Amino acid sequence: MSERPDDTDLLFKALADPSRRKLLDLLHAHDGRTLNDLCEHMVMTRQGVTQHLDLLEAASLVATVRRGREKLHFLNPVPLQEIYERWIVKFEKPRLKALSNLKRRLEKDHG
């Protein structure tokens, strides 16, 4: 990952809040939503949704595009993929290797 240490902190801070995770889920389900559309699904003020979106954008989890007077919000999955590659895969590989070895041993014993 070619990010500054504070980028990682900002990313995890963004993911730590359930309202921000809900916004990410909404964008995953239907990308390119307006603020009004997102507000319809949230139990908070428009200003609150805007503040959450601003933090998600600062963490590079949300990208925006202007279309006329509308501002469309899009999910950016790249930081999530980077978290997966850095923090999850390295713990997953030994477990998958152990399962593969177990499968081979069982097939050898019963084959």
PDB file of N, CA and C in Angstrom:
ATOM      1  N   MET A   1       0.841  -1.180   0.000  1.00  0.00           N
ATOM      2  CA  MET A   1       0.000   0.000   0.000  1.00  0.00           C
ATOM      3  C   MET A   1       0.883   1.240   0.000  1.00  0.00           C
ATOM      4  N   SER A   2       0.608   2.121  -0.863  1.00  0.00           N
ATOM      5  CA  SER A   2       1.434   3.319  -0.974  1.00  0.00           C
ATOM      6  C   SER A   2       0.749   4.502  -0.318  1.00  0.00           C
ATOM      7  N   GLU A   3       0.267   4.303   0.883  1.00  0.00           N
ATOM      8  CA  GLU A   3      -0.439   5.383   1.550  1.00  0.00           C
ATOM      9  C   GLU A   3       0.326   5.846   2.780  1.00  0.00           C
ATOM     10  N   ARG A   4       0.015   7.052   3.197  1.00  0.00           N
ATOM     11  CA  ARG A   4       0.588   7.565   4.433  1.00  0.00           C
ATOM     12  C   ARG A   4      -0.105   6.886   5.604  1.00  0.00           C
ATOM     13  N   PRO A   5       0.561   6.776   6.756  1.00  0.00           N
ATOM     14  CA  PRO A   5      -0.060   6.117   7.910  1.00  0.00           C
ATOM     15  C   PRO A   5      -1.409   6.715   8.297  1.00  0.00           C
ATOM     16  N   ASP A   6      -1.565   8.032   8.172  1.00  0.00           N
ATOM     17  CA  ASP A   6      -2.837   8.644   8.558  1.00  0.00           C
ATOM     18  C   ASP A   6      -3.954   8.276   7.587  1.00  0.00           C
ATOM     19  N   ASP A   7      -3.632   7.867   6.344  1.00  0.00           N
ATOM     20  CA  ASP A   7      -4.648   7.404   5.401  1.00  0.00           C
ATOM     21  C   ASP A   7      -5.303   6.121   5.911  1.00  0.00           C
ATOM     22  N   THR A   8      -4.494   5.227   6.440  1.00  0.00           N
ATOM     23  CA  THR A   8      -5.028   3.978   6.987  1.00  0.00           C
ATOM     24  C   THR A   8      -5.916   4.271   8.184  1.00  0.00           C
ATOM     25  N   ASP A   9      -5.482   5.167   9.050  1.00  0.00           N
ATOM     26  CA  ASP A   9      -6.293   5.542  10.212  1.00  0.00           C
ATOM     27  C   ASP A   9      -7.626   6.130   9.767  1.00  0.00           C
ATOM     28  N   LEU A  10      -7.607   6.998   8.770  1.00  0.00           N
ATOM     29  CA  LEU A  10      -8.824   7.621   8.259  1.00  0.00           C
ATOM     30  C   LEU A  10      -9.753   6.571   7.651  1.00  0.00           C
ATOM     31  N   LEU A  11      -9.182   5.623   6.956  1.00  0.00           N
ATOM     32  CA  LEU A  11      -9.969   4.558   6.341  1.00  0.00           C
ATOM     33  C   LEU A  11     -10.672   3.719   7.406  1.00  0.00           C
ATOM     34  N   PHE A  12      -9.939   3.288   8.427  1.00  0.00           N
ATOM     35  CA  PHE A  12     -10.556   2.500   9.485  1.00  0.00           C
ATOM     36  C   PHE A  12     -11.552   3.323  10.299  1.00  0.00           C
ATOM     37  N   LYS A  13     -11.275   4.607  10.484  1.00  0.00           N
ATOM     38  CA  LYS A  13     -12.233   5.484  11.177  1.00  0.00           C
ATOM     39  C   LYS A  13     -13.525   5.568  10.371  1.00  0.00           C
ATOM     40  N   ALA A  14     -13.394   5.690   9.060  1.00  0.00           N
ATOM     41  CA  ALA A  14     -14.577   5.771   8.201  1.00  0.00           C
ATOM     42  C   ALA A  14     -15.406   4.493   8.291  1.00  0.00           C
ATOM     43  N   LEU A  15     -14.743   3.354   8.355  1.00  0.00           N
ATOM     44  CA  LEU A  15     -15.438   2.073   8.399  1.00  0.00           C
ATOM     45  C   LEU A  15     -15.996   1.748   9.792  1.00  0.00           C
ATOM     46  N   ALA A  16     -15.518   2.441  10.801  1.00  0.00           N
ATOM     47  CA  ALA A  16     -15.909   2.133  12.178  1.00  0.00           C
ATOM     48  C   ALA A  16     -17.346   2.533  12.502  1.00  0.00           C
ATOM     49  N   ASP A  17     -17.911   3.442  11.747  1.00  0.00           N
ATOM     50  CA  ASP A  17     -19.237   3.960  12.064  1.00  0.00           C
ATOM     51  C   ASP A  17     -20.329   3.202  11.300  1.00  0.00           C
ATOM     52  N   PRO A  18     -21.366   2.715  11.987  1.00  0.00           N
ATOM     53  CA  PRO A  18     -22.422   1.958  11.312  1.00  0.00           C
ATOM     54  C   PRO A  18     -23.186   2.774  10.262  1.00  0.00           C
ATOM     55  N   SER A  19     -23.350   4.061  10.484  1.00  0.00           N
ATOM     56  CA  SER A  19     -24.048   4.892   9.493  1.00  0.00           C
ATOM     57  C   SER A  19     -23.238   5.003   8.207  1.00  0.00           C
ATOM     58  N   ARG A  20     -21.932   5.124   8.336  1.00  0.00           N
ATOM     59  CA  ARG A  20     -21.089   5.193   7.141  1.00  0.00           C
ATOM     60  C   ARG A  20     -21.068   3.846   6.409  1.00  0.00           C
ATOM     61  N   ARG A  21     -21.061   2.757   7.180  1.00  0.00           N
ATOM     62  CA  ARG A  21     -21.124   1.442   6.534  1.00  0.00           C
ATOM     63  C   ARG A  21     -22.448   1.267   5.797  1.00  0.00           C
ATOM     64  N   LYS A  22     -23.538   1.797   6.372  1.00  0.00           N
ATOM     65  CA  LYS A  22     -24.836   1.722   5.694  1.00  0.00           C
ATOM     66  C   LYS A  22     -24.801   2.516   4.389  1.00  0.00           C
ATOM     67  N   LEU A  23     -24.186   3.682   4.404  1.00  0.00           N
ATOM     68  CA  LEU A  23     -24.052   4.472   3.174  1.00  0.00           C
ATOM     69  C   LEU A  23     -23.266   3.690   2.122  1.00  0.00           C
ATOM     70  N   LEU A  24     -22.199   3.029   2.533  1.00  0.00           N
ATOM     71  CA  LEU A  24     -21.419   2.208   1.598  1.00  0.00           C
ATOM     72  C   LEU A  24     -22.272   1.062   1.054  1.00  0.00           C
ATOM     73  N   ASP A  25     -23.067   0.439   1.909  1.00  0.00           N
ATOM     74  CA  ASP A  25     -23.966  -0.627   1.450  1.00  0.00           C
ATOM     75  C   ASP A  25     -24.982  -0.100   0.445  1.00  0.00           C
ATOM     76  N   LEU A  26     -25.519   1.080   0.706  1.00  0.00           N
ATOM     77  CA  LEU A  26     -26.482   1.686  -0.222  1.00  0.00           C
ATOM     78  C   LEU A  26     -25.836   1.949  -1.580  1.00  0.00           C
ATOM     79  N   LEU A  27     -24.608   2.449  -1.559  1.00  0.00           N
ATOM     80  CA  LEU A  27     -23.910   2.710  -2.818  1.00  0.00           C
ATOM     81  C   LEU A  27     -23.529   1.411  -3.522  1.00  0.00           C
ATOM     82  N   HIS A  28     -23.226   0.387  -2.754  1.00  0.00           N
ATOM     83  CA  HIS A  28     -22.920  -0.913  -3.359  1.00  0.00           C
ATOM     84  C   HIS A  28     -24.158  -1.462  -4.074  1.00  0.00           C
ATOM     85  N   ALA A  29     -25.319  -1.297  -3.456  1.00  0.00           N
ATOM     86  CA  ALA A  29     -26.563  -1.797  -4.035  1.00  0.00           C
ATOM     87  C   ALA A  29     -26.964  -1.010  -5.288  1.00  0.00           C
ATOM     88  N   HIS A  30     -26.691   0.284  -5.267  1.00  0.00           N
ATOM     89  CA  HIS A  30     -27.051   1.140  -6.410  1.00  0.00           C
ATOM     90  C   HIS A  30     -26.113   2.341  -6.420  1.00  0.00           C
ATOM     91  N   ASP A  31     -25.125   2.289  -7.285  1.00  0.00           N
ATOM     92  CA  ASP A  31     -24.112   3.347  -7.370  1.00  0.00           C
ATOM     93  C   ASP A  31     -24.680   4.591  -8.046  1.00  0.00           C
ATOM     94  N   GLY A  32     -24.037   5.710  -7.803  1.00  0.00           N
ATOM     95  CA  GLY A  32     -24.417   6.948  -8.470  1.00  0.00           C
ATOM     96  C   GLY A  32     -25.631   7.612  -7.858  1.00  0.00           C
ATOM     97  N   ARG A  33     -25.762   7.539  -6.558  1.00  0.00           N
ATOM     98  CA  ARG A  33     -26.920   8.121  -5.867  1.00  0.00           C
ATOM     99  C   ARG A  33     -26.679   9.593  -5.524  1.00  0.00           C
ATOM    100  N   THR A  34     -27.780  10.318  -5.474  1.00  0.00           N
ATOM    101  CA  THR A  34     -27.724  11.715  -5.050  1.00  0.00           C
ATOM    102  C   THR A  34     -27.816  11.772  -3.526  1.00  0.00           C
ATOM    103  N   LEU A  35     -27.506  12.929  -2.982  1.00  0.00           N
ATOM    104  CA  LEU A  35     -27.630  13.134  -1.543  1.00  0.00           C
ATOM    105  C   LEU A  35     -29.076  12.911  -1.106  1.00  0.00           C
ATOM    106  N   ASN A  36     -30.043  13.445  -1.868  1.00  0.00           N
ATOM    107  CA  ASN A  36     -31.451  13.267  -1.511  1.00  0.00           C
ATOM    108  C   ASN A  36     -31.829  11.792  -1.450  1.00  0.00           C
ATOM    109  N   ASP A  37     -31.364  11.022  -2.419  1.00  0.00           N
ATOM    110  CA  ASP A  37     -31.659   9.595  -2.445  1.00  0.00           C
ATOM    111  C   ASP A  37     -31.070   8.901  -1.217  1.00  0.00           C
ATOM    112  N   LEU A  38     -29.839   9.220  -0.890  1.00  0.00           N
ATOM    113  CA  LEU A  38     -29.199   8.602   0.274  1.00  0.00           C
ATOM    114  C   LEU A  38     -29.900   9.010   1.568  1.00  0.00           C
ATOM    115  N   CYS A  39     -30.327  10.261   1.665  1.00  0.00           N
ATOM    116  CA  CYS A  39     -31.004  10.756   2.871  1.00  0.00           C
ATOM    117  C   CYS A  39     -32.312  10.005   3.131  1.00  0.00           C
ATOM    118  N   GLU A  40     -32.986   9.576   2.066  1.00  0.00           N
ATOM    119  CA  GLU A  40     -34.252   8.848   2.214  1.00  0.00           C
ATOM    120  C   GLU A  40     -34.075   7.541   2.991  1.00  0.00           C
ATOM    121  N   HIS A  41     -32.874   6.991   2.979  1.00  0.00           N
ATOM    122  CA  HIS A  41     -32.620   5.706   3.616  1.00  0.00           C
ATOM    123  C   HIS A  41     -31.946   5.840   4.984  1.00  0.00           C
ATOM    124  N   MET A  42     -31.693   7.055   5.405  1.00  0.00           N
ATOM    125  CA  MET A  42     -30.965   7.279   6.654  1.00  0.00           C
ATOM    126  C   MET A  42     -31.868   7.985   7.666  1.00  0.00           C
ATOM    127  N   VAL A  43     -31.695   7.631   8.921  1.00  0.00           N
ATOM    128  CA  VAL A  43     -32.461   8.262  10.002  1.00  0.00           C
ATOM    129  C   VAL A  43     -31.567   9.309  10.648  1.00  0.00           C
ATOM    130  N   MET A  44     -31.338  10.377   9.892  1.00  0.00           N
ATOM    131  CA  MET A  44     -30.534  11.492  10.387  1.00  0.00           C
ATOM    132  C   MET A  44     -30.778  12.691   9.484  1.00  0.00           C
ATOM    133  N   THR A  45     -30.284  13.825   9.890  1.00  0.00           N
ATOM    134  CA  THR A  45     -30.474  15.034   9.102  1.00  0.00           C
ATOM    135  C   THR A  45     -29.647  14.972   7.812  1.00  0.00           C
ATOM    136  N   ARG A  46     -30.029  15.814   6.879  1.00  0.00           N
ATOM    137  CA  ARG A  46     -29.284  15.946   5.632  1.00  0.00           C
ATOM    138  C   ARG A  46     -27.840  16.355   5.929  1.00  0.00           C
ATOM    139  N   GLN A  47     -27.667  17.245   6.890  1.00  0.00           N
ATOM    140  CA  GLN A  47     -26.329  17.695   7.284  1.00  0.00           C
ATOM    141  C   GLN A  47     -25.510  16.527   7.840  1.00  0.00           C
ATOM    142  N   GLY A  48     -26.152  15.657   8.622  1.00  0.00           N
ATOM    143  CA  GLY A  48     -25.463  14.491   9.162  1.00  0.00           C
ATOM    144  C   GLY A  48     -25.000  13.551   8.064  1.00  0.00           C
ATOM    145  N   VAL A  49     -25.868  13.307   7.081  1.00  0.00           N
ATOM    146  CA  VAL A  49     -25.504  12.445   5.953  1.00  0.00           C
ATOM    147  C   VAL A  49     -24.348  13.074   5.184  1.00  0.00           C
ATOM    148  N   THR A  50     -24.421  14.375   4.978  1.00  0.00           N
ATOM    149  CA  THR A  50     -23.356  15.083   4.264  1.00  0.00           C
ATOM    150  C   THR A  50     -22.019  14.944   4.992  1.00  0.00           C
ATOM    151  N   GLN A  51     -22.027  15.068   6.308  1.00  0.00           N
ATOM    152  CA  GLN A  51     -20.787  14.932   7.082  1.00  0.00           C
ATOM    153  C   GLN A  51     -20.217  13.520   6.954  1.00  0.00           C
ATOM    154  N   HIS A  52     -21.083  12.520   6.994  1.00  0.00           N
ATOM    155  CA  HIS A  52     -20.616  11.135   6.828  1.00  0.00           C
ATOM    156  C   HIS A  52     -20.043  10.927   5.421  1.00  0.00           C
ATOM    157  N   LEU A  53     -20.724  11.461   4.416  1.00  0.00           N
ATOM    158  CA  LEU A  53     -20.229  11.327   3.044  1.00  0.00           C
ATOM    159  C   LEU A  53     -18.887  12.037   2.866  1.00  0.00           C
ATOM    160  N   ASP A  54     -18.737  13.184   3.509  1.00  0.00           N
ATOM    161  CA  ASP A  54     -17.466  13.914   3.430  1.00  0.00           C
ATOM    162  C   ASP A  54     -16.323  13.077   4.001  1.00  0.00           C
ATOM    163  N   LEU A  55     -16.574  12.392   5.120  1.00  0.00           N
ATOM    164  CA  LEU A  55     -15.532  11.554   5.709  1.00  0.00           C
ATOM    165  C   LEU A  55     -15.238  10.354   4.813  1.00  0.00           C
ATOM    166  N   LEU A  56     -16.278   9.749   4.240  1.00  0.00           N
ATOM    167  CA  LEU A  56     -16.076   8.634   3.314  1.00  0.00           C
ATOM    168  C   LEU A  56     -15.298   9.079   2.079  1.00  0.00           C
ATOM    169  N   GLU A  57     -15.562  10.279   1.623  1.00  0.00           N
ATOM    170  CA  GLU A  57     -14.831  10.818   0.469  1.00  0.00           C
ATOM    171  C   GLU A  57     -13.374  11.100   0.844  1.00  0.00           C
ATOM    172  N   ALA A  58     -13.150  11.631   2.041  1.00  0.00           N
ATOM    173  CA  ALA A  58     -11.780  11.898   2.495  1.00  0.00           C
ATOM    174  C   ALA A  58     -10.987  10.602   2.622  1.00  0.00           C
ATOM    175  N   ALA A  59     -11.670   9.502   2.940  1.00  0.00           N
ATOM    176  CA  ALA A  59     -11.021   8.195   3.059  1.00  0.00           C
ATOM    177  C   ALA A  59     -10.946   7.479   1.704  1.00  0.00           C
ATOM    178  N   SER A  60     -11.349   8.154   0.649  1.00  0.00           N
ATOM    179  CA  SER A  60     -11.346   7.628  -0.729  1.00  0.00           C
ATOM    180  C   SER A  60     -12.287   6.439  -0.928  1.00  0.00           C
ATOM    181  N   LEU A  61     -13.265   6.284  -0.053  1.00  0.00           N
ATOM    182  CA  LEU A  61     -14.244   5.212  -0.204  1.00  0.00           C
ATOM    183  C   LEU A  61     -15.417   5.636  -1.084  1.00  0.00           C
ATOM    184  N   VAL A  62     -15.590   6.933  -1.232  1.00  0.00           N
ATOM    185  CA  VAL A  62     -16.653   7.484  -2.070  1.00  0.00           C
ATOM    186  C   VAL A  62     -16.047   8.511  -3.007  1.00  0.00           C
ATOM    187  N   ALA A  63     -16.453   8.431  -4.267  1.00  0.00           N
ATOM    188  CA  ALA A  63     -16.052   9.426  -5.266  1.00  0.00           C
ATOM    189  C   ALA A  63     -17.325  10.121  -5.740  1.00  0.00           C
ATOM    190  N   THR A  64     -17.188  11.368  -6.117  1.00  0.00           N
ATOM    191  CA  THR A  64     -18.356  12.115  -6.572  1.00  0.00           C
ATOM    192  C   THR A  64     -18.144  12.651  -7.977  1.00  0.00           C
ATOM    193  N   VAL A  65     -19.261  12.805  -8.669  1.00  0.00           N
ATOM    194  CA  VAL A  65     -19.265  13.356 -10.024  1.00  0.00           C
ATOM    195  C   VAL A  65     -20.440  14.315 -10.111  1.00  0.00           C
ATOM    196  N   ARG A  66     -20.196  15.484 -10.648  1.00  0.00           N
ATOM    197  CA  ARG A  66     -21.278  16.448 -10.858  1.00  0.00           C
ATOM    198  C   ARG A  66     -21.971  16.157 -12.186  1.00  0.00           C
ATOM    199  N   ARG A  67     -23.294  16.137 -12.129  1.00  0.00           N
ATOM    200  CA  ARG A  67     -24.103  15.993 -13.336  1.00  0.00           C
ATOM    201  C   ARG A  67     -25.132  17.119 -13.285  1.00  0.00           C
ATOM    202  N   GLY A  68     -24.822  18.194 -13.979  1.00  0.00           N
ATOM    203  CA  GLY A  68     -25.670  19.381 -13.878  1.00  0.00           C
ATOM    204  C   GLY A  68     -25.619  19.920 -12.467  1.00  0.00           C
ATOM    205  N   ARG A  69     -26.795  20.055 -11.866  1.00  0.00           N
ATOM    206  CA  ARG A  69     -26.868  20.553 -10.491  1.00  0.00           C
ATOM    207  C   ARG A  69     -26.755  19.440  -9.462  1.00  0.00           C
ATOM    208  N   GLU A  70     -26.774  18.199  -9.933  1.00  0.00           N
ATOM    209  CA  GLU A  70     -26.705  17.066  -9.018  1.00  0.00           C
ATOM    210  C   GLU A  70     -25.262  16.627  -8.781  1.00  0.00           C
ATOM    211  N   LYS A  71     -25.040  16.124  -7.590  1.00  0.00           N
ATOM    212  CA  LYS A  71     -23.752  15.523  -7.242  1.00  0.00           C
ATOM    213  C   LYS A  71     -24.022  14.040  -6.991  1.00  0.00           C
ATOM    214  N   LEU A  72     -23.431  13.199  -7.814  1.00  0.00           N
ATOM    215  CA  LEU A  72     -23.638  11.768  -7.699  1.00  0.00           C
ATOM    216  C   LEU A  72     -22.510  11.146  -6.885  1.00  0.00           C
ATOM    217  N   HIS A  73     -22.864  10.198  -6.044  1.00  0.00           N
ATOM    218  CA  HIS A  73     -21.904   9.526  -5.158  1.00  0.00           C
ATOM    219  C   HIS A  73     -21.705   8.090  -5.627  1.00  0.00           C
ATOM    220  N   PHE A  74     -20.443   7.698  -5.740  1.00  0.00           N
ATOM    221  CA  PHE A  74     -20.092   6.367  -6.207  1.00  0.00           C
ATOM    222  C   PHE A  74     -19.167   5.693  -5.197  1.00  0.00           C
ATOM    223  N   LEU A  75     -19.370   4.399  -5.011  1.00  0.00           N
ATOM    224  CA  LEU A  75     -18.500   3.608  -4.160  1.00  0.00           C
ATOM    225  C   LEU A  75     -17.165   3.399  -4.856  1.00  0.00           C
ATOM    226  N   ASN A  76     -16.081   3.607  -4.124  1.00  0.00           N
ATOM    227  CA  ASN A  76     -14.741   3.296  -4.624  1.00  0.00           C
ATOM    228  C   ASN A  76     -14.230   2.099  -3.831  1.00  0.00           C
ATOM    229  N   PRO A  77     -14.247   0.893  -4.411  1.00  0.00           N
ATOM    230  CA  PRO A  77     -13.856  -0.299  -3.658  1.00  0.00           C
ATOM    231  C   PRO A  77     -12.352  -0.497  -3.508  1.00  0.00           C
ATOM    232  N   VAL A  78     -11.541   0.331  -4.147  1.00  0.00           N
ATOM    233  CA  VAL A  78     -10.087   0.135  -4.118  1.00  0.00           C
ATOM    234  C   VAL A  78      -9.519   0.128  -2.694  1.00  0.00           C
ATOM    235  N   PRO A  79      -9.866   1.079  -1.828  1.00  0.00           N
ATOM    236  CA  PRO A  79      -9.318   1.016  -0.461  1.00  0.00           C
ATOM    237  C   PRO A  79      -9.736  -0.252   0.291  1.00  0.00           C
ATOM    238  N   LEU A  80     -10.935  -0.754   0.016  1.00  0.00           N
ATOM    239  CA  LEU A  80     -11.378  -1.992   0.661  1.00  0.00           C
ATOM    240  C   LEU A  80     -10.553  -3.171   0.169  1.00  0.00           C
ATOM    241  N   GLN A  81     -10.239  -3.182  -1.119  1.00  0.00           N
ATOM    242  CA  GLN A  81      -9.387  -4.232  -1.676  1.00  0.00           C
ATOM    243  C   GLN A  81      -7.997  -4.176  -1.061  1.00  0.00           C
ATOM    244  N   GLU A  82      -7.489  -2.961  -0.838  1.00  0.00           N
ATOM    245  CA  GLU A  82      -6.177  -2.804  -0.223  1.00  0.00           C
ATOM    246  C   GLU A  82      -6.175  -3.328   1.214  1.00  0.00           C
ATOM    247  N   ILE A  83      -7.268  -3.088   1.948  1.00  0.00           N
ATOM    248  CA  ILE A  83      -7.388  -3.635   3.305  1.00  0.00           C
ATOM    249  C   ILE A  83      -7.392  -5.154   3.233  1.00  0.00           C
ATOM    250  N   TYR A  84      -8.146  -5.685   2.295  1.00  0.00           N
ATOM    251  CA  TYR A  84      -8.211  -7.133   2.133  1.00  0.00           C
ATOM    252  C   TYR A  84      -6.827  -7.711   1.862  1.00  0.00           C
ATOM    253  N   GLU A  85      -6.116  -7.103   0.925  1.00  0.00           N
ATOM    254  CA  GLU A  85      -4.791  -7.611   0.564  1.00  0.00           C
ATOM    255  C   GLU A  85      -3.791  -7.475   1.711  1.00  0.00           C
ATOM    256  N   ARG A  86      -3.882  -6.393   2.450  1.00  0.00           N
ATOM    257  CA  ARG A  86      -2.898  -6.149   3.505  1.00  0.00           C
ATOM    258  C   ARG A  86      -3.224  -6.856   4.810  1.00  0.00           C
ATOM    259  N   TRP A  87      -4.497  -6.919   5.176  1.00  0.00           N
ATOM    260  CA  TRP A  87      -4.852  -7.378   6.511  1.00  0.00           C
ATOM    261  C   TRP A  87      -5.567  -8.726   6.541  1.00  0.00           C
ATOM    262  N   ILE A  88      -6.194  -9.157   5.475  1.00  0.00           N
ATOM    263  CA  ILE A  88      -7.004 -10.371   5.525  1.00  0.00           C
ATOM    264  C   ILE A  88      -6.325 -11.540   4.830  1.00  0.00           C
ATOM    265  N   VAL A  89      -5.816 -11.324   3.630  1.00  0.00           N
ATOM    266  CA  VAL A  89      -5.225 -12.412   2.850  1.00  0.00           C
ATOM    267  C   VAL A  89      -4.104 -13.110   3.608  1.00  0.00           C
ATOM    268  N   LYS A  90      -3.268 -12.347   4.276  1.00  0.00           N
ATOM    269  CA  LYS A  90      -2.126 -12.984   4.942  1.00  0.00           C
ATOM    270  C   LYS A  90      -2.563 -13.911   6.074  1.00  0.00           C
ATOM    271  N   PHE A  91      -3.754 -13.698   6.616  1.00  0.00           N
ATOM    272  CA  PHE A  91      -4.268 -14.596   7.645  1.00  0.00           C
ATOM    273  C   PHE A  91      -5.059 -15.745   7.024  1.00  0.00           C
ATOM    274  N   GLU A  92      -5.552 -15.532   5.827  1.00  0.00           N
ATOM    275  CA  GLU A  92      -6.348 -16.524   5.130  1.00  0.00           C
ATOM    276  C   GLU A  92      -5.477 -17.630   4.523  1.00  0.00           C
ATOM    277  N   LYS A  93      -4.322 -17.277   3.973  1.00  0.00           N
ATOM    278  CA  LYS A  93      -3.474 -18.244   3.266  1.00  0.00           C
ATOM    279  C   LYS A  93      -3.082 -19.453   4.108  1.00  0.00           C
ATOM    280  N   PRO A  94      -2.593 -19.285   5.337  1.00  0.00           N
ATOM    281  CA  PRO A  94      -2.219 -20.470   6.130  1.00  0.00           C
ATOM    282  C   PRO A  94      -3.415 -21.396   6.391  1.00  0.00           C
ATOM    283  N   ARG A  95      -4.571 -20.808   6.618  1.00  0.00           N
ATOM    284  CA  ARG A  95      -5.769 -21.616   6.879  1.00  0.00           C
ATOM    285  C   ARG A  95      -6.162 -22.412   5.635  1.00  0.00           C
ATOM    286  N   LEU A  96      -6.114 -21.777   4.467  1.00  0.00           N
ATOM    287  CA  LEU A  96      -6.447 -22.469   3.221  1.00  0.00           C
ATOM    288  C   LEU A  96      -5.429 -23.565   2.915  1.00  0.00           C
ATOM    289  N   LYS A  97      -4.167 -23.293   3.190  1.00  0.00           N
ATOM    290  CA  LYS A  97      -3.127 -24.310   2.970  1.00  0.00           C
ATOM    291  C   LYS A  97      -3.359 -25.501   3.900  1.00  0.00           C
ATOM    292  N   ALA A  98      -3.709 -25.242   5.145  1.00  0.00           N
ATOM    293  CA  ALA A  98      -3.987 -26.320   6.091  1.00  0.00           C
ATOM    294  C   ALA A  98      -5.176 -27.157   5.632  1.00  0.00           C
ATOM    295  N   LEU A  99      -6.221 -26.517   5.120  1.00  0.00           N
ATOM    296  CA  LEU A  99      -7.380 -27.257   4.613  1.00  0.00           C
ATOM    297  C   LEU A  99      -7.006 -28.101   3.402  1.00  0.00           C
ATOM    298  N   SER A 100      -6.184 -27.558   2.541  1.00  0.00           N
ATOM    299  CA  SER A 100      -5.739 -28.295   1.361  1.00  0.00           C
ATOM    300  C   SER A 100      -4.915 -29.514   1.768  1.00  0.00           C
ATOM    301  N   ASN A 101      -4.018 -29.337   2.714  1.00  0.00           N
ATOM    302  CA  ASN A 101      -3.206 -30.450   3.216  1.00  0.00           C
ATOM    303  C   ASN A 101      -4.083 -31.519   3.867  1.00  0.00           C
ATOM    304  N   LEU A 102      -5.071 -31.093   4.629  1.00  0.00           N
ATOM    305  CA  LEU A 102      -5.989 -32.029   5.273  1.00  0.00           C
ATOM    306  C   LEU A 102      -6.761 -32.822   4.220  1.00  0.00           C
ATOM    307  N   LYS A 103      -7.222 -32.136   3.194  1.00  0.00           N
ATOM    308  CA  LYS A 103      -7.953 -32.803   2.120  1.00  0.00           C
ATOM    309  C   LYS A 103      -7.067 -33.865   1.445  1.00  0.00           C
ATOM    310  N   ARG A 104      -5.830 -33.520   1.145  1.00  0.00           N
ATOM    311  CA  ARG A 104      -4.908 -34.476   0.528  1.00  0.00           C
ATOM    312  C   ARG A 104      -4.683 -35.694   1.425  1.00  0.00           C
ATOM    313  N   ARG A 105      -4.483 -35.438   2.735  1.00  0.00           N
ATOM    314  CA  ARG A 105      -4.269 -36.561   3.674  1.00  0.00           C
ATOM    315  C   ARG A 105      -5.484 -37.465   3.751  1.00  0.00           C
ATOM    316  N   LEU A 106      -6.669 -36.858   3.805  1.00  0.00           N
ATOM    317  CA  LEU A 106      -7.896 -37.651   3.876  1.00  0.00           C
ATOM    318  C   LEU A 106      -8.108 -38.459   2.596  1.00  0.00           C
ATOM    319  N   GLU A 107      -7.837 -37.849   1.458  1.00  0.00           N
ATOM    320  CA  GLU A 107      -7.987 -38.568   0.194  1.00  0.00           C
ATOM    321  C   GLU A 107      -6.972 -39.712   0.105  1.00  0.00           C
ATOM    322  N   LYS A 108      -5.772 -39.482   0.621  1.00  0.00           N
ATOM    323  CA  LYS A 108      -4.735 -40.508   0.599  1.00  0.00           C
ATOM    324  C   LYS A 108      -5.134 -41.673   1.517  1.00  0.00           C
ATOM    325  N   ASP A 109      -5.666 -41.351   2.718  1.00  0.00           N
ATOM    326  CA  ASP A 109      -6.052 -42.366   3.684  1.00  0.00           C
ATOM    327  C   ASP A 109      -7.273 -43.171   3.217  1.00  0.00           C
ATOM    328  N   HIS A 110      -8.184 -42.509   2.506  1.00  0.00           N
ATOM    329  CA  HIS A 110      -9.441 -43.166   2.113  1.00  0.00           C
ATOM    330  C   HIS A 110      -9.509 -43.438   0.607  1.00  0.00           C
ATOM    331  N   GLY A 111      -8.446 -43.196  -0.120  1.00  0.00           N
ATOM    332  CA  GLY A 111      -8.479 -43.366  -1.579  1.00  0.00           C
ATOM    333  C   GLY A 111      -7.706 -44.529  -1.984  1.00  0.00           C
TER     334      GLY A 111
END
